């Protein structure tokens, strides 16, 4: 009986490992194809000489996008917008989440539910009224206008996640700080936020990657290279039905590096935040 049970456990474990291996391949192959394509000459990408592995790897595609295209401008714009929207969203979300989690005021429960409803509204429905507002305020085709537009989705998202984590922080810590002379704001800054560091890292990571990868708002609200981000700037590597695969894949690889590096640096806090209740509602 024990052998049968052990055998079935091994079979289940083997099936699970096989499924994980297939999922790993399914995820890794596109990244591999992007990377090797960025290192190929044109003759290895097009025509009958196409290869799975570059015979003579070259960085010419990377040199091309940096020297001959406005890619660095797109990279700067994405960085400014992603960092700006993340910082502003965190400030607003920390104050809002703490107020909903700790303070008693009329309409608190309704406000918490409205946050969820606001976040669930798809961007495809919001971009038309947002575009009308941006046009009236002359915020279109500007980095600060795009940053403000991203707040419409980032603030509810960050507030909802932080609100769930703040509720798990013991109130005795804040009460002790209040007895020692702190007010609500200083208690939040000195007590609650340090304890909630894993949650803050999780929210920062998701907020940054969301703004970094966003396409619809960036496409609608910007029209010139001076304000375009990476996601919309990649269109420059397409001409009618012709795709410049080498530069396109090189720019895609470089564009994926900031979120990956950010995750590798804060991986420990991200995992801890996810497992300790950072996404609990």
Protein backbone atom coordinates (compact mmCIF):
# COMPACT_ATOMS: atom_id res chain seq x y z
CA UNK A 1 0.00 0.00 0.00
CA UNK A 2 2.84 2.32 0.92
CA UNK A 3 4.60 1.54 -2.35
CA UNK A 4 1.44 2.26 -4.32
CA UNK A 5 0.96 5.55 -2.54
CA UNK A 6 4.61 6.49 -3.07
CA UNK A 7 4.37 5.55 -6.75
CA UNK A 8 1.27 7.67 -7.28
CA UNK A 9 2.93 10.61 -5.56
CA UNK A 10 5.96 10.28 -7.82
CA UNK A 11 3.71 10.09 -10.88
CA UNK A 12 1.83 13.25 -9.85
CA UNK A 13 5.12 15.01 -9.14
CA UNK A 14 6.48 13.91 -12.52
CA UNK A 15 3.38 15.18 -14.33
CA UNK A 16 3.62 18.48 -12.47
CA UNK A 17 7.29 18.86 -13.37
CA UNK A 18 6.50 18.07 -16.99
CA UNK A 19 3.77 20.71 -17.10
CA UNK A 20 6.13 23.25 -15.51
CA UNK A 21 8.80 22.40 -18.09
CA UNK A 22 6.34 22.96 -20.93
CA UNK A 23 5.25 26.28 -19.43
CA UNK A 24 8.90 27.30 -19.06
CA UNK A 25 9.57 26.53 -22.71
CA UNK A 26 6.38 28.28 -23.77
CA UNK A 27 7.57 31.41 -21.93
CA UNK A 28 11.29 31.24 -22.71
CA UNK A 29 11.20 30.50 -26.45
CA UNK A 30 9.81 33.93 -27.49
CA UNK A 31 12.49 35.68 -25.39
CA UNK A 32 15.17 33.47 -26.93
CA UNK A 33 13.90 34.23 -30.42
CA UNK A 34 13.88 37.97 -29.71
CA UNK A 35 17.43 37.87 -28.36
CA UNK A 36 18.99 35.81 -31.16
CA UNK A 37 17.16 37.84 -33.83
CA UNK A 38 18.62 41.04 -32.39
CA UNK A 39 22.12 39.56 -32.90
CA UNK A 40 21.61 38.46 -36.52
CA UNK A 41 22.54 40.04 -39.82
CA UNK A 42 19.70 40.73 -42.25
CA UNK A 43 20.59 37.75 -44.42
CA UNK A 44 20.11 35.44 -41.40
CA UNK A 45 16.68 36.93 -40.68
CA UNK A 46 15.23 37.11 -44.18
CA UNK A 47 15.37 34.75 -47.10
CA UNK A 48 16.68 31.22 -47.42
CA UNK A 49 19.65 31.70 -45.07
CA UNK A 50 17.53 32.14 -41.94
CA UNK A 51 19.06 30.37 -38.95
CA UNK A 52 17.98 29.42 -35.43
CA UNK A 53 21.37 30.40 -34.01
CA UNK A 54 23.32 33.39 -35.37
CA UNK A 55 26.46 32.20 -37.15
CA UNK A 56 28.25 35.52 -36.64
CA UNK A 57 26.57 37.44 -33.81
CA UNK A 58 26.61 41.21 -34.22
CA UNK A 59 25.53 44.22 -32.17
CA UNK A 60 24.90 46.29 -35.30
CA UNK A 61 21.16 46.36 -34.61
CA UNK A 62 21.75 47.84 -31.15
CA UNK A 63 24.13 50.44 -32.60
CA UNK A 64 21.53 51.30 -35.24
CA UNK A 65 18.69 51.99 -32.83
CA UNK A 66 20.89 54.08 -30.52
CA UNK A 67 22.67 56.08 -33.23
CA UNK A 68 20.12 56.36 -36.06
CA UNK A 69 16.73 56.39 -34.32
CA UNK A 70 15.10 58.41 -31.51
CA UNK A 71 15.09 55.33 -29.28
CA UNK A 72 16.93 57.07 -26.43
CA UNK A 73 14.24 59.76 -26.47
CA UNK A 74 11.55 57.11 -26.17
CA UNK A 75 13.51 55.45 -23.35
CA UNK A 76 13.80 58.75 -21.48
CA UNK A 77 10.10 59.49 -21.93
CA UNK A 78 9.08 56.05 -20.65
CA UNK A 79 11.35 56.45 -17.64
CA UNK A 80 10.02 59.91 -16.79
CA UNK A 81 6.38 58.88 -17.14
CA UNK A 82 6.75 55.53 -15.34
CA UNK A 83 8.74 56.94 -12.42
CA UNK A 84 6.57 60.05 -12.14
CA UNK A 85 3.26 58.19 -12.15
CA UNK A 86 4.63 55.59 -9.71
CA UNK A 87 5.86 58.17 -7.18
CA UNK A 88 2.70 60.29 -7.32
CA UNK A 89 0.47 57.22 -7.15
CA UNK A 90 2.35 55.90 -4.11
CA UNK A 91 2.01 59.19 -2.24
CA UNK A 92 -1.73 59.48 -2.92
CA UNK A 93 -2.33 55.76 -2.35
CA UNK A 94 -0.50 55.67 1.00
CA UNK A 95 -2.55 58.56 2.35
CA UNK A 96 -5.82 57.26 0.93
CA UNK A 97 -5.29 53.64 1.96
CA UNK A 98 -4.32 54.64 5.50
CA UNK A 99 -7.39 56.86 5.83
CA UNK A 100 -9.74 54.11 4.66
CA UNK A 101 -8.05 51.43 6.76
CA UNK A 102 -7.75 53.38 10.02
CA UNK A 103 -10.05 56.40 10.14
CA UNK A 104 -13.80 56.33 10.73
CA UNK A 105 -15.70 58.71 8.48
CA UNK A 106 -19.03 58.61 6.63
CA UNK A 107 -18.90 56.75 3.34
CA UNK A 108 -15.67 54.88 4.04
CA UNK A 109 -17.04 51.48 2.95
CA UNK A 110 -18.63 53.01 -0.16
CA UNK A 111 -15.35 54.70 -1.08
CA UNK A 112 -13.50 51.40 -0.75
CA UNK A 113 -15.96 49.69 -3.08
CA UNK A 114 -15.78 52.55 -5.57
CA UNK A 115 -12.02 52.07 -5.75
CA UNK A 116 -12.56 48.53 -7.00
CA UNK A 117 -15.20 49.67 -9.49
CA UNK A 118 -12.91 52.43 -10.77
CA UNK A 119 -10.04 50.04 -11.30
CA UNK A 120 -12.26 47.51 -13.09
CA UNK A 121 -13.36 50.02 -15.75
CA UNK A 122 -11.38 49.15 -18.91
CA UNK A 123 -9.04 51.74 -20.39
CA UNK A 124 -10.84 51.42 -23.74
CA UNK A 125 -13.84 53.18 -22.16
CA UNK A 126 -11.88 55.84 -20.30
CA UNK A 127 -9.55 57.10 -23.01
CA UNK A 128 -12.28 59.05 -24.87
CA UNK A 129 -13.41 61.25 -21.92
CA UNK A 130 -9.79 61.50 -20.76
CA UNK A 131 -8.74 62.68 -24.20
CA UNK A 132 -11.47 65.32 -24.16
CA UNK A 133 -10.26 66.55 -20.75
CA UNK A 134 -6.61 66.50 -21.83
CA UNK A 135 -7.43 68.44 -25.00
CA UNK A 136 -9.36 71.07 -23.05
CA UNK A 137 -6.43 71.50 -20.65
CA UNK A 138 -3.87 71.32 -23.49
CA UNK A 139 -2.14 68.38 -21.86
CA UNK A 140 -2.02 66.22 -24.99
CA UNK A 141 1.37 65.32 -26.46
CA UNK A 142 3.13 66.10 -23.18
CA UNK A 143 4.85 63.89 -20.64
CA UNK A 144 3.08 65.43 -17.66
CA UNK A 145 -0.28 64.94 -19.36
CA UNK A 146 0.48 61.27 -19.94
CA UNK A 147 1.64 60.93 -16.33
CA UNK A 148 -1.64 62.42 -15.07
CA UNK A 149 -3.61 60.08 -17.34
CA UNK A 150 -1.88 57.04 -15.84
CA UNK A 151 -2.93 58.14 -12.35
CA UNK A 152 -6.54 57.30 -13.23
CA UNK A 153 -5.69 53.61 -13.10
CA UNK A 154 -2.64 53.52 -10.86
CA UNK A 155 -4.10 55.34 -7.85
CA UNK A 156 -7.13 53.02 -7.35
CA UNK A 157 -4.91 49.97 -7.90
CA UNK A 158 -2.24 51.08 -5.41
CA UNK A 159 -4.79 52.25 -2.86
CA UNK A 160 -6.68 48.96 -2.90
CA UNK A 161 -3.55 46.86 -2.45
CA UNK A 162 -2.13 49.03 0.33
CA UNK A 163 -5.45 49.23 2.10
CA UNK A 164 -5.52 45.46 2.54
CA UNK A 165 -1.98 45.42 3.91
CA UNK A 166 -2.46 48.38 6.26
CA UNK A 167 -5.40 46.55 7.85
CA UNK A 168 -3.03 43.71 8.78
CA UNK A 169 -0.65 46.04 10.64
CA UNK A 170 -1.34 45.85 14.42
CA UNK A 171 -3.06 48.99 15.68
CA UNK A 172 -1.05 48.77 18.91
CA UNK A 173 2.03 50.03 17.03
CA UNK A 174 0.24 53.20 15.97
CA UNK A 175 -1.33 53.69 19.37
CA UNK A 176 2.12 53.56 20.96
CA UNK A 177 3.38 56.12 18.46
CA UNK A 178 0.39 58.40 19.16
CA UNK A 179 1.05 58.16 22.90
CA UNK A 180 4.69 59.18 22.26
CA UNK A 181 3.54 62.38 20.57
CA UNK A 182 3.14 61.41 16.91
CA UNK A 183 0.15 62.52 14.90
CA UNK A 184 -1.51 60.39 12.25
CA UNK A 185 0.83 61.48 9.45
CA UNK A 186 4.04 60.90 11.42
CA UNK A 187 2.70 57.57 12.68
CA UNK A 188 2.08 56.58 9.07
CA UNK A 189 5.57 57.63 7.99
CA UNK A 190 7.56 56.34 10.97
CA UNK A 191 5.60 53.23 11.94
CA UNK A 192 3.20 51.92 9.29
CA UNK A 193 5.28 52.48 6.13
CA UNK A 194 8.48 50.82 7.44
CA UNK A 195 6.47 47.79 8.55
CA UNK A 196 4.70 47.74 5.16
CA UNK A 197 7.91 47.83 3.08
CA UNK A 198 7.16 44.52 1.27
CA UNK A 199 3.74 45.84 0.25
CA UNK A 200 5.23 49.12 -0.93
CA UNK A 201 7.75 47.25 -3.08
CA UNK A 202 5.01 45.11 -4.62
CA UNK A 203 2.87 48.14 -5.41
CA UNK A 204 5.86 50.04 -6.81
CA UNK A 205 6.82 47.14 -9.05
CA UNK A 206 3.33 46.59 -10.44
CA UNK A 207 2.68 50.30 -10.87
CA UNK A 208 5.99 50.88 -12.65
CA UNK A 209 5.60 47.93 -15.02
CA UNK A 210 2.01 48.91 -15.77
CA UNK A 211 3.05 52.42 -16.79
CA UNK A 212 6.13 51.13 -18.62
CA UNK A 213 4.15 48.68 -20.76
CA UNK A 214 1.01 50.77 -21.31
CA UNK A 215 0.17 51.38 -24.97
CA UNK A 216 -3.35 52.73 -25.46
CA UNK A 217 -3.04 56.03 -23.57
CA UNK A 218 0.47 56.60 -24.90
CA UNK A 219 -0.79 56.06 -28.45
CA UNK A 220 -3.86 58.29 -28.11
CA UNK A 221 -2.39 61.16 -26.07
CA UNK A 222 0.94 61.56 -27.92
CA UNK A 223 1.57 62.30 -31.57
CA UNK A 224 5.23 63.35 -31.89
CA UNK A 225 8.52 61.63 -31.13
CA UNK A 226 9.29 64.20 -28.45
CA UNK A 227 6.54 62.78 -26.22
CA UNK A 228 6.22 59.18 -27.37
CA UNK A 229 7.16 56.32 -25.09
CA UNK A 230 8.84 53.06 -26.03
CA UNK A 231 5.61 51.15 -26.64
CA UNK A 232 4.46 53.64 -29.26
CA UNK A 233 7.93 54.48 -30.57
CA UNK A 234 8.46 50.92 -31.78
CA UNK A 235 6.12 51.77 -34.65
CA UNK A 236 9.09 53.57 -36.22
CA UNK A 237 10.60 50.18 -37.01
CA UNK A 238 7.66 49.30 -39.23
CA UNK A 239 7.06 50.75 -42.68
CA UNK A 240 3.81 49.74 -44.38
CA UNK A 241 4.07 45.95 -44.48
CA UNK A 242 7.85 45.88 -43.95
CA UNK A 243 9.19 45.04 -40.49
CA UNK A 244 12.82 45.78 -39.61
CA UNK A 245 13.11 42.75 -37.36
CA UNK A 246 16.70 43.22 -36.28
CA UNK A 247 16.34 46.76 -34.83
CA UNK A 248 12.83 45.95 -33.62
CA UNK A 249 14.00 42.96 -31.58
CA UNK A 250 17.04 44.87 -30.29
CA UNK A 251 14.83 47.72 -29.05
CA UNK A 252 12.45 45.19 -27.49
CA UNK A 253 15.27 43.52 -25.58
CA UNK A 254 16.54 46.85 -24.25
CA UNK A 255 12.99 47.89 -23.33
CA UNK A 256 12.47 44.73 -21.28
CA UNK A 257 15.63 45.23 -19.21
CA UNK A 258 14.44 47.93 -16.74
CA UNK A 259 11.46 45.93 -15.36
CA UNK A 260 13.57 42.76 -15.25
CA UNK A 261 16.42 44.48 -13.41
CA UNK A 262 13.95 46.09 -11.04
CA UNK A 263 12.40 42.72 -10.25
CA UNK A 264 15.77 41.06 -9.70
CA UNK A 265 16.83 43.79 -7.28
CA UNK A 266 13.61 43.74 -5.25
CA UNK A 267 12.72 40.07 -5.76
CA UNK A 268 12.97 39.19 -2.08
CA UNK A 269 10.61 41.97 -1.04
CA UNK A 270 8.20 41.26 -3.90
CA UNK A 271 7.85 37.60 -2.90
CA UNK A 272 7.52 38.52 0.76
CA UNK A 273 4.89 41.13 0.01
CA UNK A 274 2.84 38.72 -2.09
CA UNK A 275 2.95 36.03 0.59
CA UNK A 276 2.35 38.23 3.63
CA UNK A 277 -0.87 39.80 2.47
CA UNK A 278 0.03 42.66 0.15
CA UNK A 279 -2.77 41.65 -2.19
CA UNK A 280 -5.35 40.81 0.45
CA UNK A 281 -8.59 42.76 0.18
